[in-house]
Amino acid sequence: MNIKKSHLLPWLGQRITAIIIAVLLPIHIIAIPFSDKKISFSFVSERLSHTEWLIIDILLLSACIYHGLNGLYSITIDFNPDKSISKGILFFLYLFGIMLTIYGILVLRRFVR
């Protein structure tokens, strides 16, 4: 079996983010129906004022972005593109992922009181 070390970290990252998503997404989804309040800006702001909810949401956001973009990259690698094309796609996905994460954190920050 010839496994390159360069493929180990994305593979491991995909598995770790899958576990994070599998644990945190139900918590994120189930927590709202168990409260007696309607979803509104003030409800979300109140929830995100607690540090643990903010950490959960930022971790979930980061895990989903990494998981999704790493999956897209894995799909493109299956088509065996030239090395320069795959590096260009990887660079674009890294840049896009960083931009999405920063934007998502800035949006979450708007809800914090």
PDB file of N, CA and C in Angstrom:
ATOM      1  N   MET A   1       0.851  -1.167   0.000  1.00  0.00           N
ATOM      2  CA  MET A   1       0.000   0.000   0.000  1.00  0.00           C
ATOM      3  C   MET A   1       0.899   1.234   0.000  1.00  0.00           C
ATOM      4  N   ASN A   2       0.693   2.113  -0.976  1.00  0.00           N
ATOM      5  CA  ASN A   2       1.503   3.310  -1.111  1.00  0.00           C
ATOM      6  C   ASN A   2       0.659   4.537  -0.774  1.00  0.00           C
ATOM      7  N   ILE A   3       0.702   4.937   0.476  1.00  0.00           N
ATOM      8  CA  ILE A   3      -0.061   6.108   0.913  1.00  0.00           C
ATOM      9  C   ILE A   3       0.910   7.252   1.106  1.00  0.00           C
ATOM     10  N   LYS A   4       0.659   8.335   0.381  1.00  0.00           N
ATOM     11  CA  LYS A   4       1.519   9.509   0.516  1.00  0.00           C
ATOM     12  C   LYS A   4       1.178  10.237   1.810  1.00  0.00           C
ATOM     13  N   LYS A   5       2.215  10.780   2.459  1.00  0.00           N
ATOM     14  CA  LYS A   5       1.994  11.512   3.702  1.00  0.00           C
ATOM     15  C   LYS A   5       1.193  12.783   3.451  1.00  0.00           C
ATOM     16  N   SER A   6       1.288  13.344   2.241  1.00  0.00           N
ATOM     17  CA  SER A   6       0.576  14.588   1.948  1.00  0.00           C
ATOM     18  C   SER A   6      -0.937  14.373   1.927  1.00  0.00           C
ATOM     19  N   HIS A   7      -1.384  13.141   1.741  1.00  0.00           N
ATOM     20  CA  HIS A   7      -2.815  12.854   1.727  1.00  0.00           C
ATOM     21  C   HIS A   7      -3.349  12.475   3.106  1.00  0.00           C
ATOM     22  N   LEU A   8      -2.458  12.244   4.051  1.00  0.00           N
ATOM     23  CA  LEU A   8      -2.881  11.810   5.379  1.00  0.00           C
ATOM     24  C   LEU A   8      -3.588  12.918   6.153  1.00  0.00           C
ATOM     25  N   LEU A   9      -3.026  14.129   6.150  1.00  0.00           N
ATOM     26  CA  LEU A   9      -3.624  15.213   6.937  1.00  0.00           C
ATOM     27  C   LEU A   9      -5.008  15.620   6.435  1.00  0.00           C
ATOM     28  N   PRO A  10      -5.214  15.794   5.119  1.00  0.00           N
ATOM     29  CA  PRO A  10      -6.589  16.100   4.677  1.00  0.00           C
ATOM     30  C   PRO A  10      -7.567  14.960   4.993  1.00  0.00           C
ATOM     31  N   TRP A  11      -7.124  13.719   4.863  1.00  0.00           N
ATOM     32  CA  TRP A  11      -7.977  12.575   5.181  1.00  0.00           C
ATOM     33  C   TRP A  11      -8.343  12.594   6.661  1.00  0.00           C
ATOM     34  N   LEU A  12      -7.354  12.826   7.509  1.00  0.00           N
ATOM     35  CA  LEU A  12      -7.584  12.871   8.946  1.00  0.00           C
ATOM     36  C   LEU A  12      -8.466  14.065   9.315  1.00  0.00           C
ATOM     37  N   GLY A  13      -8.205  15.208   8.673  1.00  0.00           N
ATOM     38  CA  GLY A  13      -9.026  16.392   8.912  1.00  0.00           C
ATOM     39  C   GLY A  13     -10.476  16.159   8.533  1.00  0.00           C
ATOM     40  N   GLN A  14     -10.695  15.432   7.446  1.00  0.00           N
ATOM     41  CA  GLN A  14     -12.061  15.119   7.013  1.00  0.00           C
ATOM     42  C   GLN A  14     -12.779  14.276   8.058  1.00  0.00           C
ATOM     43  N   ARG A  15     -12.069  13.318   8.631  1.00  0.00           N
ATOM     44  CA  ARG A  15     -12.684  12.446   9.653  1.00  0.00           C
ATOM     45  C   ARG A  15     -12.939  13.207  10.943  1.00  0.00           C
ATOM     46  N   ILE A  16     -11.990  14.048  11.352  1.00  0.00           N
ATOM     47  CA  ILE A  16     -12.156  14.812  12.594  1.00  0.00           C
ATOM     48  C   ILE A  16     -13.305  15.802  12.469  1.00  0.00           C
ATOM     49  N   THR A  17     -13.374  16.509  11.329  1.00  0.00           N
ATOM     50  CA  THR A  17     -14.469  17.463  11.152  1.00  0.00           C
ATOM     51  C   THR A  17     -15.813  16.748  11.038  1.00  0.00           C
ATOM     52  N   ALA A  18     -15.825  15.543  10.494  1.00  0.00           N
ATOM     53  CA  ALA A  18     -17.078  14.771  10.447  1.00  0.00           C
ATOM     54  C   ALA A  18     -17.574  14.459  11.852  1.00  0.00           C
ATOM     55  N   ILE A  19     -16.657  14.112  12.745  1.00  0.00           N
ATOM     56  CA  ILE A  19     -17.036  13.829  14.132  1.00  0.00           C
ATOM     57  C   ILE A  19     -17.527  15.101  14.816  1.00  0.00           C
ATOM     58  N   ILE A  20     -16.816  16.219  14.588  1.00  0.00           N
ATOM     59  CA  ILE A  20     -17.228  17.495  15.186  1.00  0.00           C
ATOM     60  C   ILE A  20     -18.626  17.869  14.708  1.00  0.00           C
ATOM     61  N   ILE A  21     -18.868  17.730  13.418  1.00  0.00           N
ATOM     62  CA  ILE A  21     -20.185  18.059  12.858  1.00  0.00           C
ATOM     63  C   ILE A  21     -21.255  17.119  13.416  1.00  0.00           C
ATOM     64  N   ALA A  22     -20.941  15.827  13.502  1.00  0.00           N
ATOM     65  CA  ALA A  22     -21.916  14.855  13.998  1.00  0.00           C
ATOM     66  C   ALA A  22     -22.284  15.108  15.456  1.00  0.00           C
ATOM     67  N   VAL A  23     -21.378  15.671  16.234  1.00  0.00           N
ATOM     68  CA  VAL A  23     -21.661  15.956  17.638  1.00  0.00           C
ATOM     69  C   VAL A  23     -22.336  17.321  17.812  1.00  0.00           C
ATOM     70  N   LEU A  24     -21.791  18.356  17.157  1.00  0.00           N
ATOM     71  CA  LEU A  24     -22.263  19.715  17.405  1.00  0.00           C
ATOM     72  C   LEU A  24     -23.525  20.094  16.643  1.00  0.00           C
ATOM     73  N   LEU A  25     -23.740  19.524  15.469  1.00  0.00           N
ATOM     74  CA  LEU A  25     -24.931  19.903  14.696  1.00  0.00           C
ATOM     75  C   LEU A  25     -26.230  19.526  15.402  1.00  0.00           C
ATOM     76  N   PRO A  26     -26.353  18.326  15.950  1.00  0.00           N
ATOM     77  CA  PRO A  26     -27.584  18.044  16.707  1.00  0.00           C
ATOM     78  C   PRO A  26     -27.763  18.957  17.919  1.00  0.00           C
ATOM     79  N   ILE A  27     -26.661  19.284  18.585  1.00  0.00           N
ATOM     80  CA  ILE A  27     -26.756  20.210  19.721  1.00  0.00           C
ATOM     81  C   ILE A  27     -27.262  21.559  19.227  1.00  0.00           C
ATOM     82  N   HIS A  28     -26.710  22.029  18.124  1.00  0.00           N
ATOM     83  CA  HIS A  28     -27.092  23.321  17.551  1.00  0.00           C
ATOM     84  C   HIS A  28     -28.565  23.330  17.138  1.00  0.00           C
ATOM     85  N   ILE A  29     -29.020  22.241  16.546  1.00  0.00           N
ATOM     86  CA  ILE A  29     -30.395  22.182  16.036  1.00  0.00           C
ATOM     87  C   ILE A  29     -31.397  21.916  17.155  1.00  0.00           C
ATOM     88  N   ILE A  30     -31.079  21.013  18.059  1.00  0.00           N
ATOM     89  CA  ILE A  30     -32.034  20.595  19.093  1.00  0.00           C
ATOM     90  C   ILE A  30     -32.196  21.654  20.183  1.00  0.00           C
ATOM     91  N   ALA A  31     -31.187  22.444  20.437  1.00  0.00           N
ATOM     92  CA  ALA A  31     -31.249  23.422  21.535  1.00  0.00           C
ATOM     93  C   ALA A  31     -32.346  24.453  21.332  1.00  0.00           C
ATOM     94  N   ILE A  32     -32.631  24.829  20.115  1.00  0.00           N
ATOM     95  CA  ILE A  32     -33.635  25.871  19.862  1.00  0.00           C
ATOM     96  C   ILE A  32     -35.057  25.379  20.135  1.00  0.00           C
ATOM     97  N   PRO A  33     -35.483  24.220  19.647  1.00  0.00           N
ATOM     98  CA  PRO A  33     -36.860  23.792  19.928  1.00  0.00           C
ATOM     99  C   PRO A  33     -37.155  23.562  21.405  1.00  0.00           C
ATOM    100  N   PHE A  34     -36.129  23.257  22.212  1.00  0.00           N
ATOM    101  CA  PHE A  34     -36.365  23.028  23.624  1.00  0.00           C
ATOM    102  C   PHE A  34     -36.514  24.316  24.418  1.00  0.00           C
ATOM    103  N   SER A  35     -36.225  25.429  23.788  1.00  0.00           N
ATOM    104  CA  SER A  35     -36.490  26.693  24.472  1.00  0.00           C
ATOM    105  C   SER A  35     -37.907  27.128  24.100  1.00  0.00           C
ATOM    106  N   ASP A  36     -38.528  27.902  24.935  1.00  0.00           N
ATOM    107  CA  ASP A  36     -39.910  28.321  24.709  1.00  0.00           C
ATOM    108  C   ASP A  36     -40.005  29.601  23.886  1.00  0.00           C
ATOM    109  N   LYS A  37     -38.894  30.090  23.406  1.00  0.00           N
ATOM    110  CA  LYS A  37     -38.865  31.361  22.694  1.00  0.00           C
ATOM    111  C   LYS A  37     -38.882  31.152  21.191  1.00  0.00           C
ATOM    112  N   LYS A  38     -39.409  32.139  20.477  1.00  0.00           N
ATOM    113  CA  LYS A  38     -39.350  32.127  19.015  1.00  0.00           C
ATOM    114  C   LYS A  38     -37.970  32.608  18.588  1.00  0.00           C
ATOM    115  N   ILE A  39     -37.532  32.146  17.425  1.00  0.00           N
ATOM    116  CA  ILE A  39     -36.229  32.558  16.916  1.00  0.00           C
ATOM    117  C   ILE A  39     -36.326  34.011  16.467  1.00  0.00           C
ATOM    118  N   SER A  40     -35.502  34.836  17.053  1.00  0.00           N
ATOM    119  CA  SER A  40     -35.452  36.254  16.695  1.00  0.00           C
ATOM    120  C   SER A  40     -34.024  36.733  16.908  1.00  0.00           C
ATOM    121  N   PHE A  41     -33.780  37.966  16.487  1.00  0.00           N
ATOM    122  CA  PHE A  41     -32.448  38.538  16.680  1.00  0.00           C
ATOM    123  C   PHE A  41     -32.083  38.567  18.158  1.00  0.00           C
ATOM    124  N   SER A  42     -33.025  38.956  18.998  1.00  0.00           N
ATOM    125  CA  SER A  42     -32.726  39.046  20.434  1.00  0.00           C
ATOM    126  C   SER A  42     -32.470  37.664  21.042  1.00  0.00           C
ATOM    127  N   PHE A  43     -33.197  36.636  20.564  1.00  0.00           N
ATOM    128  CA  PHE A  43     -32.979  35.278  21.077  1.00  0.00           C
ATOM    129  C   PHE A  43     -31.587  34.780  20.692  1.00  0.00           C
ATOM    130  N   VAL A  44     -31.221  34.977  19.423  1.00  0.00           N
ATOM    131  CA  VAL A  44     -29.903  34.535  18.963  1.00  0.00           C
ATOM    132  C   VAL A  44     -28.807  35.335  19.660  1.00  0.00           C
ATOM    133  N   SER A  45     -29.037  36.624  19.821  1.00  0.00           N
ATOM    134  CA  SER A  45     -28.065  37.478  20.507  1.00  0.00           C
ATOM    135  C   SER A  45     -27.883  37.044  21.954  1.00  0.00           C
ATOM    136  N   GLU A  46     -28.977  36.715  22.605  1.00  0.00           N
ATOM    137  CA  GLU A  46     -28.906  36.252  23.998  1.00  0.00           C
ATOM    138  C   GLU A  46     -28.151  34.930  24.084  1.00  0.00           C
ATOM    139  N   ARG A  47     -28.424  34.037  23.154  1.00  0.00           N
ATOM    140  CA  ARG A  47     -27.749  32.744  23.161  1.00  0.00           C
ATOM    141  C   ARG A  47     -26.258  32.893  22.902  1.00  0.00           C
ATOM    142  N   LEU A  48     -25.905  33.744  21.939  1.00  0.00           N
ATOM    143  CA  LEU A  48     -24.493  33.918  21.605  1.00  0.00           C
ATOM    144  C   LEU A  48     -23.740  34.777  22.613  1.00  0.00           C
ATOM    145  N   SER A  49     -24.441  35.390  23.544  1.00  0.00           N
ATOM    146  CA  SER A  49     -23.746  36.138  24.590  1.00  0.00           C
ATOM    147  C   SER A  49     -23.069  35.199  25.580  1.00  0.00           C
ATOM    148  N   HIS A  50     -23.474  33.927  25.557  1.00  0.00           N
ATOM    149  CA  HIS A  50     -22.817  32.904  26.370  1.00  0.00           C
ATOM    150  C   HIS A  50     -21.621  32.369  25.580  1.00  0.00           C
ATOM    151  N   THR A  51     -20.472  32.377  26.198  1.00  0.00           N
ATOM    152  CA  THR A  51     -19.226  32.006  25.521  1.00  0.00           C
ATOM    153  C   THR A  51     -19.273  30.595  24.950  1.00  0.00           C
ATOM    154  N   GLU A  52     -19.887  29.670  25.672  1.00  0.00           N
ATOM    155  CA  GLU A  52     -19.912  28.278  25.190  1.00  0.00           C
ATOM    156  C   GLU A  52     -20.700  28.150  23.887  1.00  0.00           C
ATOM    157  N   TRP A  53     -21.792  28.885  23.733  1.00  0.00           N
ATOM    158  CA  TRP A  53     -22.555  28.840  22.486  1.00  0.00           C
ATOM    159  C   TRP A  53     -21.780  29.484  21.345  1.00  0.00           C
ATOM    160  N   LEU A  54     -21.078  30.548  21.639  1.00  0.00           N
ATOM    161  CA  LEU A  54     -20.265  31.208  20.619  1.00  0.00           C
ATOM    162  C   LEU A  54     -19.152  30.280  20.140  1.00  0.00           C
ATOM    163  N   ILE A  55     -18.509  29.595  21.068  1.00  0.00           N
ATOM    164  CA  ILE A  55     -17.453  28.644  20.709  1.00  0.00           C
ATOM    165  C   ILE A  55     -18.033  27.493  19.890  1.00  0.00           C
ATOM    166  N   ILE A  56     -19.174  26.965  20.305  1.00  0.00           N
ATOM    167  CA  ILE A  56     -19.817  25.877  19.565  1.00  0.00           C
ATOM    168  C   ILE A  56     -20.133  26.319  18.141  1.00  0.00           C
ATOM    169  N   ASP A  57     -20.696  27.519  17.992  1.00  0.00           N
ATOM    170  CA  ASP A  57     -21.065  27.978  16.648  1.00  0.00           C
ATOM    171  C   ASP A  57     -19.850  28.251  15.776  1.00  0.00           C
ATOM    172  N   ILE A  58     -18.797  28.830  16.343  1.00  0.00           N
ATOM    173  CA  ILE A  58     -17.584  29.082  15.552  1.00  0.00           C
ATOM    174  C   ILE A  58     -16.908  27.771  15.180  1.00  0.00           C
ATOM    175  N   LEU A  59     -16.861  26.826  16.104  1.00  0.00           N
ATOM    176  CA  LEU A  59     -16.273  25.516  15.815  1.00  0.00           C
ATOM    177  C   LEU A  59     -17.081  24.777  14.757  1.00  0.00           C
ATOM    178  N   LEU A  60     -18.402  24.829  14.860  1.00  0.00           N
ATOM    179  CA  LEU A  60     -19.262  24.189  13.869  1.00  0.00           C
ATOM    180  C   LEU A  60     -19.102  24.847  12.502  1.00  0.00           C
ATOM    181  N   LEU A  61     -19.059  26.161  12.462  1.00  0.00           N
ATOM    182  CA  LEU A  61     -18.858  26.892  11.221  1.00  0.00           C
ATOM    183  C   LEU A  61     -17.538  26.495  10.564  1.00  0.00           C
ATOM    184  N   SER A  62     -16.460  26.506  11.335  1.00  0.00           N
ATOM    185  CA  SER A  62     -15.139  26.170  10.801  1.00  0.00           C
ATOM    186  C   SER A  62     -15.077  24.719  10.317  1.00  0.00           C
ATOM    187  N   ALA A  63     -15.664  23.820  11.089  1.00  0.00           N
ATOM    188  CA  ALA A  63     -15.655  22.405  10.705  1.00  0.00           C
ATOM    189  C   ALA A  63     -16.447  22.175   9.424  1.00  0.00           C
ATOM    190  N   CYS A  64     -17.599  22.823   9.299  1.00  0.00           N
ATOM    191  CA  CYS A  64     -18.415  22.656   8.086  1.00  0.00           C
ATOM    192  C   CYS A  64     -17.713  23.210   6.854  1.00  0.00           C
ATOM    193  N   ILE A  65     -17.078  24.362   6.996  1.00  0.00           N
ATOM    194  CA  ILE A  65     -16.369  24.946   5.856  1.00  0.00           C
ATOM    195  C   ILE A  65     -15.202  24.057   5.448  1.00  0.00           C
ATOM    196  N   TYR A  66     -14.399  23.622   6.406  1.00  0.00           N
ATOM    197  CA  TYR A  66     -13.271  22.746   6.078  1.00  0.00           C
ATOM    198  C   TYR A  66     -13.765  21.443   5.454  1.00  0.00           C
ATOM    199  N   HIS A  67     -14.757  20.840   6.068  1.00  0.00           N
ATOM    200  CA  HIS A  67     -15.260  19.548   5.604  1.00  0.00           C
ATOM    201  C   HIS A  67     -15.789  19.648   4.167  1.00  0.00           C
ATOM    202  N   GLY A  68     -16.566  20.696   3.909  1.00  0.00           N
ATOM    203  CA  GLY A  68     -17.134  20.855   2.580  1.00  0.00           C
ATOM    204  C   GLY A  68     -16.093  21.153   1.512  1.00  0.00           C
ATOM    205  N   LEU A  69     -15.192  22.076   1.805  1.00  0.00           N
ATOM    206  CA  LEU A  69     -14.187  22.436   0.805  1.00  0.00           C
ATOM    207  C   LEU A  69     -13.155  21.335   0.610  1.00  0.00           C
ATOM    208  N   ASN A  70     -12.807  20.622   1.677  1.00  0.00           N
ATOM    209  CA  ASN A  70     -11.901  19.490   1.536  1.00  0.00           C
ATOM    210  C   ASN A  70     -12.555  18.375   0.716  1.00  0.00           C
ATOM    211  N   GLY A  71     -13.859  18.203   0.901  1.00  0.00           N
ATOM    212  CA  GLY A  71     -14.579  17.227   0.078  1.00  0.00           C
ATOM    213  C   GLY A  71     -14.588  17.612  -1.392  1.00  0.00           C
ATOM    214  N   LEU A  72     -14.778  18.906  -1.674  1.00  0.00           N
ATOM    215  CA  LEU A  72     -14.712  19.371  -3.068  1.00  0.00           C
ATOM    216  C   LEU A  72     -13.332  19.136  -3.667  1.00  0.00           C
ATOM    217  N   TYR A  73     -12.298  19.399  -2.885  1.00  0.00           N
ATOM    218  CA  TYR A  73     -10.940  19.168  -3.374  1.00  0.00           C
ATOM    219  C   TYR A  73     -10.698  17.679  -3.634  1.00  0.00           C
ATOM    220  N   SER A  74     -11.195  16.834  -2.751  1.00  0.00           N
ATOM    221  CA  SER A  74     -11.035  15.384  -2.943  1.00  0.00           C
ATOM    222  C   SER A  74     -11.726  14.921  -4.220  1.00  0.00           C
ATOM    223  N   ILE A  75     -12.884  15.512  -4.509  1.00  0.00           N
ATOM    224  CA  ILE A  75     -13.594  15.158  -5.742  1.00  0.00           C
ATOM    225  C   ILE A  75     -12.781  15.586  -6.959  1.00  0.00           C
ATOM    226  N   THR A  76     -12.195  16.791  -6.922  1.00  0.00           N
ATOM    227  CA  THR A  76     -11.403  17.243  -8.076  1.00  0.00           C
ATOM    228  C   THR A  76     -10.154  16.392  -8.257  1.00  0.00           C
ATOM    229  N   ILE A  77      -9.549  15.918  -7.174  1.00  0.00           N
ATOM    230  CA  ILE A  77      -8.356  15.077  -7.271  1.00  0.00           C
ATOM    231  C   ILE A  77      -8.693  13.725  -7.912  1.00  0.00           C
ATOM    232  N   ASP A  78      -9.927  13.262  -7.712  1.00  0.00           N
ATOM    233  CA  ASP A  78     -10.338  12.000  -8.327  1.00  0.00           C
ATOM    234  C   ASP A  78     -10.288  12.062  -9.851  1.00  0.00           C
ATOM    235  N   PHE A  79     -10.387  13.260 -10.417  1.00  0.00           N
ATOM    236  CA  PHE A  79     -10.313  13.420 -11.870  1.00  0.00           C
ATOM    237  C   PHE A  79      -8.877  13.529 -12.370  1.00  0.00           C
ATOM    238  N   ASN A  80      -7.906  13.456 -11.468  1.00  0.00           N
ATOM    239  CA  ASN A  80      -6.486  13.428 -11.777  1.00  0.00           C
ATOM    240  C   ASN A  80      -6.043  14.593 -12.673  1.00  0.00           C
ATOM    241  N   PRO A  81      -6.244  15.830 -12.214  1.00  0.00           N
ATOM    242  CA  PRO A  81      -5.806  16.976 -13.020  1.00  0.00           C
ATOM    243  C   PRO A  81      -4.286  17.147 -12.944  1.00  0.00           C
ATOM    244  N   ASP A  82      -3.749  18.010 -13.799  1.00  0.00           N
ATOM    245  CA  ASP A  82      -2.317  18.321 -13.740  1.00  0.00           C
ATOM    246  C   ASP A  82      -1.978  18.866 -12.361  1.00  0.00           C
ATOM    247  N   LYS A  83      -0.716  18.724 -11.997  1.00  0.00           N
ATOM    248  CA  LYS A  83      -0.287  19.169 -10.670  1.00  0.00           C
ATOM    249  C   LYS A  83      -0.488  20.672 -10.491  1.00  0.00           C
ATOM    250  N   SER A  84      -0.242  21.452 -11.523  1.00  0.00           N
ATOM    251  CA  SER A  84      -0.407  22.902 -11.408  1.00  0.00           C
ATOM    252  C   SER A  84      -1.882  23.276 -11.245  1.00  0.00           C
ATOM    253  N   ILE A  85      -2.751  22.563 -11.915  1.00  0.00           N
ATOM    254  CA  ILE A  85      -4.188  22.828 -11.789  1.00  0.00           C
ATOM    255  C   ILE A  85      -4.674  22.462 -10.390  1.00  0.00           C
ATOM    256  N   SER A  86      -4.230  21.317  -9.882  1.00  0.00           N
ATOM    257  CA  SER A  86      -4.667  20.910  -8.535  1.00  0.00           C
ATOM    258  C   SER A  86      -4.127  21.867  -7.476  1.00  0.00           C
ATOM    259  N   LYS A  87      -2.904  22.382  -7.668  1.00  0.00           N
ATOM    260  CA  LYS A  87      -2.375  23.372  -6.719  1.00  0.00           C
ATOM    261  C   LYS A  87      -3.164  24.670  -6.797  1.00  0.00           C
ATOM    262  N   GLY A  88      -3.569  25.070  -7.998  1.00  0.00           N
ATOM    263  CA  GLY A  88      -4.381  26.277  -8.160  1.00  0.00           C
ATOM    264  C   GLY A  88      -5.744  26.128  -7.506  1.00  0.00           C
ATOM    265  N   ILE A  89      -6.355  24.973  -7.685  1.00  0.00           N
ATOM    266  CA  ILE A  89      -7.653  24.707  -7.059  1.00  0.00           C
ATOM    267  C   ILE A  89      -7.505  24.701  -5.545  1.00  0.00           C
ATOM    268  N   LEU A  90      -6.445  24.067  -5.050  1.00  0.00           N
ATOM    269  CA  LEU A  90      -6.211  24.016  -3.607  1.00  0.00           C
ATOM    270  C   LEU A  90      -6.003  25.424  -3.040  1.00  0.00           C
ATOM    271  N   PHE A  91      -5.229  26.254  -3.736  1.00  0.00           N
ATOM    272  CA  PHE A  91      -5.013  27.632  -3.294  1.00  0.00           C
ATOM    273  C   PHE A  91      -6.331  28.403  -3.253  1.00  0.00           C
ATOM    274  N   PHE A  92      -7.141  28.260  -4.311  1.00  0.00           N
ATOM    275  CA  PHE A  92      -8.432  28.948  -4.353  1.00  0.00           C
ATOM    276  C   PHE A  92      -9.332  28.488  -3.210  1.00  0.00           C
ATOM    277  N   LEU A  93      -9.379  27.182  -2.956  1.00  0.00           N
ATOM    278  CA  LEU A  93     -10.237  26.667  -1.894  1.00  0.00           C
ATOM    279  C   LEU A  93      -9.762  27.120  -0.510  1.00  0.00           C
ATOM    280  N   TYR A  94      -8.436  27.152  -0.301  1.00  0.00           N
ATOM    281  CA  TYR A  94      -7.912  27.686   0.967  1.00  0.00           C
ATOM    282  C   TYR A  94      -8.314  29.144   1.141  1.00  0.00           C
ATOM    283  N   LEU A  95      -8.108  29.942   0.099  1.00  0.00           N
ATOM    284  CA  LEU A  95      -8.445  31.358   0.166  1.00  0.00           C
ATOM    285  C   LEU A  95      -9.938  31.556   0.401  1.00  0.00           C
ATOM    286  N   PHE A  96     -10.755  30.817  -0.329  1.00  0.00           N
ATOM    287  CA  PHE A  96     -12.205  30.898  -0.187  1.00  0.00           C
ATOM    288  C   PHE A  96     -12.645  30.457   1.212  1.00  0.00           C
ATOM    289  N   GLY A  97     -12.032  29.394   1.727  1.00  0.00           N
ATOM    290  CA  GLY A  97     -12.360  28.900   3.061  1.00  0.00           C
ATOM    291  C   GLY A  97     -12.001  29.901   4.150  1.00  0.00           C
ATOM    292  N   ILE A  98     -10.847  30.529   4.012  1.00  0.00           N
ATOM    293  CA  ILE A  98     -10.449  31.546   4.990  1.00  0.00           C
ATOM    294  C   ILE A  98     -11.404  32.727   4.935  1.00  0.00           C
ATOM    295  N   MET A  99     -11.762  33.158   3.723  1.00  0.00           N
ATOM    296  CA  MET A  99     -12.700  34.272   3.573  1.00  0.00           C
ATOM    297  C   MET A  99     -14.066  33.931   4.172  1.00  0.00           C
ATOM    298  N   LEU A 100     -14.566  32.730   3.898  1.00  0.00           N
ATOM    299  CA  LEU A 100     -15.860  32.308   4.448  1.00  0.00           C
ATOM    300  C   LEU A 100     -15.836  32.251   5.973  1.00  0.00           C
ATOM    301  N   THR A 101     -14.756  31.722   6.523  1.00  0.00           N
ATOM    302  CA  THR A 101     -14.646  31.615   7.977  1.00  0.00           C
ATOM    303  C   THR A 101     -14.606  32.996   8.620  1.00  0.00           C
ATOM    304  N   ILE A 102     -13.814  33.900   8.074  1.00  0.00           N
ATOM    305  CA  ILE A 102     -13.745  35.263   8.617  1.00  0.00           C
ATOM    306  C   ILE A 102     -15.107  35.940   8.510  1.00  0.00           C
ATOM    307  N   TYR A 103     -15.749  35.807   7.359  1.00  0.00           N
ATOM    308  CA  TYR A 103     -17.067  36.413   7.178  1.00  0.00           C
ATOM    309  C   TYR A 103     -18.080  35.825   8.163  1.00  0.00           C
ATOM    310  N   GLY A 104     -18.071  34.512   8.342  1.00  0.00           N
ATOM    311  CA  GLY A 104     -18.992  33.865   9.284  1.00  0.00           C
ATOM    312  C   GLY A 104     -18.767  34.312  10.712  1.00  0.00           C
ATOM    313  N   ILE A 105     -17.501  34.452  11.107  1.00  0.00           N
ATOM    314  CA  ILE A 105     -17.209  34.919  12.463  1.00  0.00           C
ATOM    315  C   ILE A 105     -17.653  36.369  12.638  1.00  0.00           C
ATOM    316  N   LEU A 106     -17.461  37.183  11.597  1.00  0.00           N
ATOM    317  CA  LEU A 106     -17.923  38.577  11.679  1.00  0.00           C
ATOM    318  C   LEU A 106     -19.441  38.651  11.794  1.00  0.00           C
ATOM    319  N   VAL A 107     -20.144  37.772  11.097  1.00  0.00           N
ATOM    320  CA  VAL A 107     -21.607  37.736  11.203  1.00  0.00           C
ATOM    321  C   VAL A 107     -22.017  37.303  12.609  1.00  0.00           C
ATOM    322  N   LEU A 108     -21.379  36.273  13.139  1.00  0.00           N
ATOM    323  CA  LEU A 108     -21.690  35.833  14.506  1.00  0.00           C
ATOM    324  C   LEU A 108     -21.396  36.937  15.516  1.00  0.00           C
ATOM    325  N   ARG A 109     -20.341  37.680  15.268  1.00  0.00           N
ATOM    326  CA  ARG A 109     -19.979  38.776  16.177  1.00  0.00           C
ATOM    327  C   ARG A 109     -21.044  39.864  16.233  1.00  0.00           C
ATOM    328  N   ARG A 110     -21.755  40.043  15.136  1.00  0.00           N
ATOM    329  CA  ARG A 110     -22.826  41.054  15.106  1.00  0.00           C
ATOM    330  C   ARG A 110     -23.958  40.715  16.085  1.00  0.00           C
ATOM    331  N   PHE A 111     -24.104  39.428  16.386  1.00  0.00           N
ATOM    332  CA  PHE A 111     -25.173  39.010  17.291  1.00  0.00           C
ATOM    333  C   PHE A 111     -24.772  39.140  18.764  1.00  0.00           C
ATOM    334  N   VAL A 112     -23.483  39.212  19.041  1.00  0.00           N
ATOM    335  CA  VAL A 112     -23.025  39.266  20.421  1.00  0.00           C
ATOM    336  C   VAL A 112     -23.302  40.639  20.999  1.00  0.00           C
ATOM    337  N   ARG A 113     -23.904  40.664  22.164  1.00  0.00           N
ATOM    338  CA  ARG A 113     -24.223  41.942  22.817  1.00  0.00           C
ATOM    339  C   ARG A 113     -23.003  42.550  23.442  1.00  0.00           C
TER     340      ARG A 113
END
